[in-house]
Amino acid sequence: MPQAAQARSASGAKEWTFLTNHAHVLLAIAREPTARLRDVADAVGITERAAQAIVADLEAAGYLQRERVGRRNQYTLNPAGRFRHPAEADRSIGELLNVFTGTP
């Protein structure tokens, strides 16, 4: 079962992460380009429906492409895509991929 986005620690303090679910989904797909969305959702800790919506966002923004191969989707990432926030807009998504997966 996916954990809530604003989980609380044992001390009662809110837990948070530096990366968004969009970044986590992108990284999960970078690690396994033929992963089922169910597996991506499990890896990120979100629902399959949320993973589907995030993949649709990433595809619409040009960060990835989806291609049907047999019974599965195969994803191709666009490492040249730029971060959306103005503070990081001069950086490419490939740099993030390289940090976490070792491949641009």
N, C-alpha and C. Protein backbone atom coordinates (compact mmCIF):
# COMPACT_ATOMS: atom_id res chain seq x y z
N MET A 1 0.84 -1.18 0.00
CA MET A 1 0.00 0.00 0.00
C MET A 1 0.89 1.24 0.00
N PRO A 2 0.67 2.19 -0.92
CA PRO A 2 1.48 3.40 -0.96
C PRO A 2 1.32 4.22 0.30
N GLN A 3 2.42 4.87 0.69
CA GLN A 3 2.37 5.70 1.87
C GLN A 3 1.88 7.08 1.50
N ALA A 4 1.30 7.78 2.46
CA ALA A 4 0.80 9.13 2.22
C ALA A 4 1.95 10.06 1.91
N ALA A 5 1.69 11.04 1.05
CA ALA A 5 2.73 11.98 0.64
C ALA A 5 3.26 12.79 1.82
N GLN A 6 2.44 13.07 2.80
CA GLN A 6 2.85 13.84 3.96
C GLN A 6 2.86 12.95 5.19
N ALA A 7 3.61 11.87 5.13
CA ALA A 7 3.70 10.94 6.25
C ALA A 7 4.33 11.63 7.45
N ARG A 8 4.08 11.10 8.60
CA ARG A 8 4.67 11.64 9.82
C ARG A 8 5.63 10.63 10.41
N SER A 9 6.72 11.12 10.97
CA SER A 9 7.70 10.24 11.58
C SER A 9 7.18 9.79 12.94
N ALA A 10 7.94 8.93 13.60
CA ALA A 10 7.56 8.44 14.92
C ALA A 10 7.42 9.58 15.92
N SER A 11 8.18 10.66 15.72
CA SER A 11 8.11 11.80 16.63
C SER A 11 6.93 12.72 16.31
N GLY A 12 6.22 12.45 15.21
CA GLY A 12 5.07 13.25 14.84
C GLY A 12 5.39 14.37 13.86
N ALA A 13 6.66 14.54 13.54
CA ALA A 13 7.04 15.59 12.59
C ALA A 13 6.72 15.15 11.16
N LYS A 14 6.35 16.10 10.30
CA LYS A 14 6.09 15.79 8.89
C LYS A 14 7.38 15.34 8.24
N GLU A 15 7.27 14.29 7.43
CA GLU A 15 8.41 13.84 6.64
C GLU A 15 8.24 14.39 5.23
N TRP A 16 9.35 14.70 4.59
CA TRP A 16 9.30 15.23 3.25
C TRP A 16 10.55 14.78 2.51
N THR A 17 10.53 14.93 1.19
CA THR A 17 11.68 14.56 0.38
C THR A 17 12.05 15.70 -0.54
N PHE A 18 13.27 15.69 -1.04
CA PHE A 18 13.72 16.73 -1.95
C PHE A 18 13.15 16.56 -3.35
N LEU A 19 12.90 15.35 -3.76
CA LEU A 19 12.41 15.09 -5.11
C LEU A 19 10.90 14.90 -5.10
N THR A 20 10.26 15.37 -6.15
CA THR A 20 8.81 15.21 -6.30
C THR A 20 8.50 13.80 -6.81
N ASN A 21 7.23 13.45 -6.78
CA ASN A 21 6.83 12.17 -7.34
C ASN A 21 7.10 12.13 -8.84
N HIS A 22 7.02 13.26 -9.52
CA HIS A 22 7.35 13.29 -10.95
C HIS A 22 8.80 12.88 -11.16
N ALA A 23 9.70 13.40 -10.34
CA ALA A 23 11.12 13.03 -10.45
C ALA A 23 11.31 11.56 -10.12
N HIS A 24 10.63 11.07 -9.10
CA HIS A 24 10.77 9.66 -8.72
C HIS A 24 10.28 8.73 -9.83
N VAL A 25 9.17 9.09 -10.47
CA VAL A 25 8.65 8.28 -11.57
C VAL A 25 9.64 8.30 -12.74
N LEU A 26 10.14 9.48 -13.07
CA LEU A 26 11.11 9.59 -14.16
C LEU A 26 12.33 8.72 -13.88
N LEU A 27 12.83 8.75 -12.66
CA LEU A 27 14.00 7.94 -12.30
C LEU A 27 13.70 6.45 -12.33
N ALA A 28 12.52 6.07 -11.87
CA ALA A 28 12.14 4.65 -11.91
C ALA A 28 12.09 4.15 -13.35
N ILE A 29 11.57 4.98 -14.24
CA ILE A 29 11.50 4.59 -15.66
C ILE A 29 12.90 4.59 -16.27
N ALA A 30 13.74 5.52 -15.86
CA ALA A 30 15.12 5.53 -16.36
C ALA A 30 15.85 4.25 -15.98
N ARG A 31 15.57 3.74 -14.79
CA ARG A 31 16.22 2.51 -14.32
C ARG A 31 15.68 1.27 -15.03
N GLU A 32 14.39 1.31 -15.40
CA GLU A 32 13.75 0.16 -16.05
C GLU A 32 12.75 0.66 -17.09
N PRO A 33 13.21 0.91 -18.32
CA PRO A 33 12.35 1.51 -19.36
C PRO A 33 11.16 0.67 -19.80
N THR A 34 11.12 -0.60 -19.45
CA THR A 34 9.98 -1.43 -19.81
C THR A 34 9.15 -1.83 -18.59
N ALA A 35 9.34 -1.13 -17.49
CA ALA A 35 8.60 -1.45 -16.27
C ALA A 35 7.11 -1.20 -16.45
N ARG A 36 6.31 -2.04 -15.82
CA ARG A 36 4.86 -1.81 -15.80
C ARG A 36 4.59 -0.64 -14.85
N LEU A 37 3.55 0.11 -15.12
CA LEU A 37 3.23 1.24 -14.25
C LEU A 37 2.92 0.79 -12.83
N ARG A 38 2.40 -0.40 -12.69
CA ARG A 38 2.16 -0.95 -11.36
C ARG A 38 3.47 -1.05 -10.58
N ASP A 39 4.53 -1.48 -11.26
CA ASP A 39 5.84 -1.61 -10.62
C ASP A 39 6.47 -0.24 -10.34
N VAL A 40 6.27 0.69 -11.26
CA VAL A 40 6.76 2.06 -11.05
C VAL A 40 6.06 2.65 -9.82
N ALA A 41 4.75 2.50 -9.75
CA ALA A 41 3.98 3.02 -8.63
C ALA A 41 4.46 2.42 -7.31
N ASP A 42 4.69 1.12 -7.29
CA ASP A 42 5.18 0.46 -6.08
C ASP A 42 6.55 0.99 -5.67
N ALA A 43 7.42 1.20 -6.66
CA ALA A 43 8.77 1.69 -6.36
C ALA A 43 8.74 3.11 -5.79
N VAL A 44 7.80 3.91 -6.27
CA VAL A 44 7.72 5.30 -5.83
C VAL A 44 6.90 5.44 -4.55
N GLY A 45 5.95 4.53 -4.34
CA GLY A 45 5.09 4.61 -3.16
C GLY A 45 3.84 5.42 -3.42
N ILE A 46 3.32 5.31 -4.66
CA ILE A 46 2.10 6.01 -5.05
C ILE A 46 1.14 5.00 -5.67
N THR A 47 -0.06 5.45 -5.96
CA THR A 47 -1.02 4.55 -6.60
C THR A 47 -0.69 4.41 -8.08
N GLU A 48 -1.18 3.34 -8.68
CA GLU A 48 -0.98 3.14 -10.12
C GLU A 48 -1.65 4.26 -10.91
N ARG A 49 -2.77 4.71 -10.45
CA ARG A 49 -3.48 5.81 -11.13
C ARG A 49 -2.63 7.09 -11.09
N ALA A 50 -2.00 7.37 -9.95
CA ALA A 50 -1.13 8.55 -9.84
C ALA A 50 0.06 8.40 -10.78
N ALA A 51 0.62 7.20 -10.87
CA ALA A 51 1.74 6.95 -11.78
C ALA A 51 1.33 7.19 -13.23
N GLN A 52 0.12 6.75 -13.59
CA GLN A 52 -0.39 6.97 -14.95
C GLN A 52 -0.51 8.46 -15.24
N ALA A 53 -1.03 9.22 -14.29
CA ALA A 53 -1.18 10.66 -14.48
C ALA A 53 0.18 11.35 -14.62
N ILE A 54 1.14 10.92 -13.82
CA ILE A 54 2.47 11.51 -13.88
C ILE A 54 3.14 11.19 -15.21
N VAL A 55 3.03 9.95 -15.66
CA VAL A 55 3.60 9.58 -16.96
C VAL A 55 2.96 10.40 -18.07
N ALA A 56 1.65 10.62 -17.99
CA ALA A 56 0.97 11.45 -18.99
C ALA A 56 1.51 12.88 -18.95
N ASP A 57 1.74 13.43 -17.75
CA ASP A 57 2.33 14.77 -17.62
C ASP A 57 3.71 14.81 -18.25
N LEU A 58 4.54 13.83 -17.92
CA LEU A 58 5.92 13.80 -18.43
C LEU A 58 5.95 13.64 -19.94
N GLU A 59 5.03 12.84 -20.46
CA GLU A 59 4.96 12.64 -21.91
C GLU A 59 4.49 13.92 -22.60
N ALA A 60 3.46 14.56 -22.06
CA ALA A 60 2.94 15.79 -22.65
C ALA A 60 3.99 16.91 -22.64
N ALA A 61 4.84 16.92 -21.63
CA ALA A 61 5.88 17.95 -21.52
C ALA A 61 7.14 17.61 -22.31
N GLY A 62 7.17 16.42 -22.92
CA GLY A 62 8.30 16.04 -23.76
C GLY A 62 9.48 15.42 -23.02
N TYR A 63 9.28 15.03 -21.77
CA TYR A 63 10.37 14.41 -21.01
C TYR A 63 10.55 12.93 -21.33
N LEU A 64 9.50 12.31 -21.85
CA LEU A 64 9.60 10.91 -22.25
C LEU A 64 8.63 10.63 -23.38
N GLN A 65 8.90 9.52 -24.08
CA GLN A 65 8.02 9.01 -25.12
C GLN A 65 7.66 7.58 -24.77
N ARG A 66 6.44 7.23 -25.09
CA ARG A 66 5.94 5.89 -24.80
C ARG A 66 5.71 5.18 -26.13
N GLU A 67 6.20 3.95 -26.21
CA GLU A 67 6.00 3.15 -27.42
C GLU A 67 5.52 1.77 -26.98
N ARG A 68 4.51 1.29 -27.66
CA ARG A 68 3.98 -0.05 -27.36
C ARG A 68 4.87 -1.08 -28.02
N VAL A 69 5.39 -2.02 -27.22
CA VAL A 69 6.22 -3.11 -27.73
C VAL A 69 5.60 -4.40 -27.20
N GLY A 70 4.90 -5.10 -28.08
CA GLY A 70 4.19 -6.30 -27.64
C GLY A 70 3.08 -5.92 -26.67
N ARG A 71 3.13 -6.50 -25.49
CA ARG A 71 2.10 -6.23 -24.49
C ARG A 71 2.53 -5.17 -23.49
N ARG A 72 3.71 -4.61 -23.67
CA ARG A 72 4.24 -3.64 -22.73
C ARG A 72 4.52 -2.31 -23.40
N ASN A 73 4.67 -1.30 -22.56
CA ASN A 73 5.16 -0.01 -23.04
C ASN A 73 6.66 0.04 -22.82
N GLN A 74 7.34 0.68 -23.74
CA GLN A 74 8.76 0.96 -23.57
C GLN A 74 8.89 2.47 -23.60
N TYR A 75 9.63 3.00 -22.62
CA TYR A 75 9.77 4.44 -22.48
C TYR A 75 11.17 4.86 -22.92
N THR A 76 11.22 5.98 -23.63
CA THR A 76 12.47 6.60 -24.01
C THR A 76 12.49 7.99 -23.39
N LEU A 77 13.52 8.27 -22.63
CA LEU A 77 13.62 9.55 -21.95
C LEU A 77 14.33 10.57 -22.82
N ASN A 78 14.00 11.83 -22.62
CA ASN A 78 14.64 12.93 -23.33
C ASN A 78 15.58 13.63 -22.35
N PRO A 79 16.85 13.26 -22.34
CA PRO A 79 17.77 13.85 -21.37
C PRO A 79 18.05 15.33 -21.62
N ALA A 80 17.70 15.83 -22.80
CA ALA A 80 17.92 17.25 -23.12
C ALA A 80 16.82 18.15 -22.54
N GLY A 81 15.74 17.54 -22.05
CA GLY A 81 14.66 18.33 -21.47
C GLY A 81 15.17 19.17 -20.32
N ARG A 82 14.61 20.34 -20.15
CA ARG A 82 15.04 21.27 -19.12
C ARG A 82 14.10 21.21 -17.91
N PHE A 83 14.65 21.53 -16.75
CA PHE A 83 13.82 21.64 -15.55
C PHE A 83 12.82 22.77 -15.75
N ARG A 84 11.68 22.65 -15.15
CA ARG A 84 10.60 23.62 -15.35
C ARG A 84 10.70 24.84 -14.44
N HIS A 85 11.29 24.70 -13.29
CA HIS A 85 11.39 25.82 -12.35
C HIS A 85 12.48 26.78 -12.82
N PRO A 86 12.22 28.09 -12.79
CA PRO A 86 13.21 29.06 -13.27
C PRO A 86 14.58 28.95 -12.58
N ALA A 87 14.60 28.51 -11.34
CA ALA A 87 15.88 28.41 -10.62
C ALA A 87 16.78 27.32 -11.20
N GLU A 88 16.21 26.32 -11.87
CA GLU A 88 16.98 25.23 -12.46
C GLU A 88 16.81 25.13 -13.96
N ALA A 89 16.19 26.10 -14.60
CA ALA A 89 15.86 26.02 -16.02
C ALA A 89 17.09 25.91 -16.92
N ASP A 90 18.25 26.25 -16.40
CA ASP A 90 19.47 26.13 -17.21
C ASP A 90 20.08 24.73 -17.12
N ARG A 91 19.45 23.83 -16.40
CA ARG A 91 19.94 22.46 -16.23
C ARG A 91 19.07 21.48 -16.99
N SER A 92 19.69 20.40 -17.47
CA SER A 92 18.94 19.39 -18.21
C SER A 92 18.54 18.23 -17.29
N ILE A 93 17.49 17.57 -17.68
CA ILE A 93 17.03 16.38 -16.95
C ILE A 93 18.10 15.29 -16.99
N GLY A 94 18.90 15.28 -18.06
CA GLY A 94 19.98 14.30 -18.16
C GLY A 94 20.95 14.39 -17.00
N GLU A 95 21.15 15.59 -16.48
CA GLU A 95 22.04 15.74 -15.32
C GLU A 95 21.47 15.03 -14.10
N LEU A 96 20.17 15.15 -13.89
CA LEU A 96 19.51 14.46 -12.79
C LEU A 96 19.61 12.95 -12.98
N LEU A 97 19.35 12.50 -14.20
CA LEU A 97 19.43 11.07 -14.49
C LEU A 97 20.83 10.54 -14.22
N ASN A 98 21.82 11.32 -14.60
CA ASN A 98 23.21 10.91 -14.39
C ASN A 98 23.54 10.78 -12.91
N VAL A 99 23.06 11.71 -12.10
CA VAL A 99 23.33 11.67 -10.66
C VAL A 99 22.76 10.40 -10.03
N PHE A 100 21.53 10.05 -10.41
CA PHE A 100 20.86 8.93 -9.75
C PHE A 100 20.98 7.59 -10.44
N THR A 101 21.30 7.59 -11.72
CA THR A 101 21.40 6.29 -12.43
C THR A 101 22.76 6.05 -13.03
N GLY A 102 23.60 7.09 -13.08
CA GLY A 102 24.92 6.94 -13.67
C GLY A 102 24.93 7.00 -15.18
N THR A 103 23.75 7.30 -15.77
CA THR A 103 23.68 7.41 -17.24
C THR A 103 22.96 8.71 -17.60
N PRO A 104 23.45 9.43 -18.60
CA PRO A 104 22.78 10.68 -19.01
C PRO A 104 21.51 10.40 -19.80
